[in-house]
Amino acid sequence: MERELLYRLAESVAKVAHNAAGPPPYFDHEAGWQIGPVARRIAATAQAPHRIEVLLGPAD
């Protein structure tokens, strides 16, 4: 599960980087909005969630 979340986070970051790198066609306009929720899910399942939670805020 955690590995899948990491892949989803990496994919979203790559899409945002692709969109920022140059002119259209854009890959996915909504990718940036997926980064935060996926990062929070990773924080909730991490072995040291308190360290990540300080950076991201508490997971809901």
Protein backbone atom coordinates (compact mmCIF):
# COMPACT_ATOMS: atom_id res chain seq x y z
CA MET A 1 0.00 0.00 0.00
CA GLU A 2 2.72 2.47 0.96
CA ARG A 3 4.66 1.79 -2.23
CA GLU A 4 1.53 2.43 -4.32
CA LEU A 5 1.05 5.77 -2.55
CA LEU A 6 4.67 6.72 -3.23
CA TYR A 7 4.19 5.93 -6.91
CA ARG A 8 1.01 8.01 -7.03
CA LEU A 9 2.82 10.91 -5.38
CA ALA A 10 5.75 10.63 -7.79
CA GLU A 11 3.38 10.49 -10.75
CA SER A 12 1.53 13.62 -9.63
CA VAL A 13 4.77 15.52 -9.09
CA ALA A 14 6.01 14.43 -12.53
CA LYS A 15 2.78 15.66 -14.14
CA VAL A 16 3.10 19.05 -12.45
CA ALA A 17 6.75 19.29 -13.54
CA HIS A 18 5.77 18.39 -17.11
CA ASN A 19 3.08 21.08 -17.14
CA ALA A 20 5.47 23.68 -15.75
CA ALA A 21 8.27 22.81 -18.16
CA GLY A 22 6.82 24.14 -21.33
CA PRO A 23 3.95 24.89 -23.66
CA PRO A 24 0.86 22.72 -24.21
CA PRO A 25 -0.22 20.01 -24.50
CA TYR A 26 -0.57 19.76 -20.74
CA PHE A 27 -0.61 16.33 -19.20
CA ASP A 28 -3.10 16.61 -16.36
CA HIS A 29 -4.47 19.91 -15.06
CA GLU A 30 -5.63 18.41 -11.75
CA ALA A 31 -2.35 16.68 -10.80
CA GLY A 32 -1.27 19.41 -8.41
CA TRP A 33 -4.38 18.98 -6.31
CA GLN A 34 -3.58 15.30 -5.77
CA ILE A 35 -0.17 15.88 -4.15
CA GLY A 36 -1.41 17.06 -0.75
CA PRO A 37 -3.95 14.30 -0.07
CA VAL A 38 -1.53 11.57 -1.17
CA ALA A 39 1.26 13.06 0.97
CA ARG A 40 -1.07 13.06 3.96
CA ARG A 41 -1.96 9.41 3.39
CA ILE A 42 1.73 8.58 3.25
CA ALA A 43 2.26 10.48 6.50
CA ALA A 44 -0.56 8.54 8.13
CA THR A 45 1.04 5.19 7.23
CA ALA A 46 4.69 6.17 7.78
CA GLN A 47 6.77 4.54 10.50
CA ALA A 48 7.47 7.95 12.06
CA PRO A 49 4.30 9.88 11.23
CA HIS A 50 4.92 12.50 13.91
CA ARG A 51 7.92 13.83 11.96
CA ILE A 52 5.95 14.17 8.72
CA GLU A 53 2.89 15.52 10.51
CA VAL A 54 4.92 18.45 11.82
CA LEU A 55 5.59 19.46 8.19
CA LEU A 56 2.16 18.71 6.70
CA GLY A 57 -0.17 19.25 9.62
CA PRO A 58 -2.40 16.58 11.14
CA ALA A 59 -4.01 14.05 8.80
CA ASP A 60 -7.80 14.01 8.85
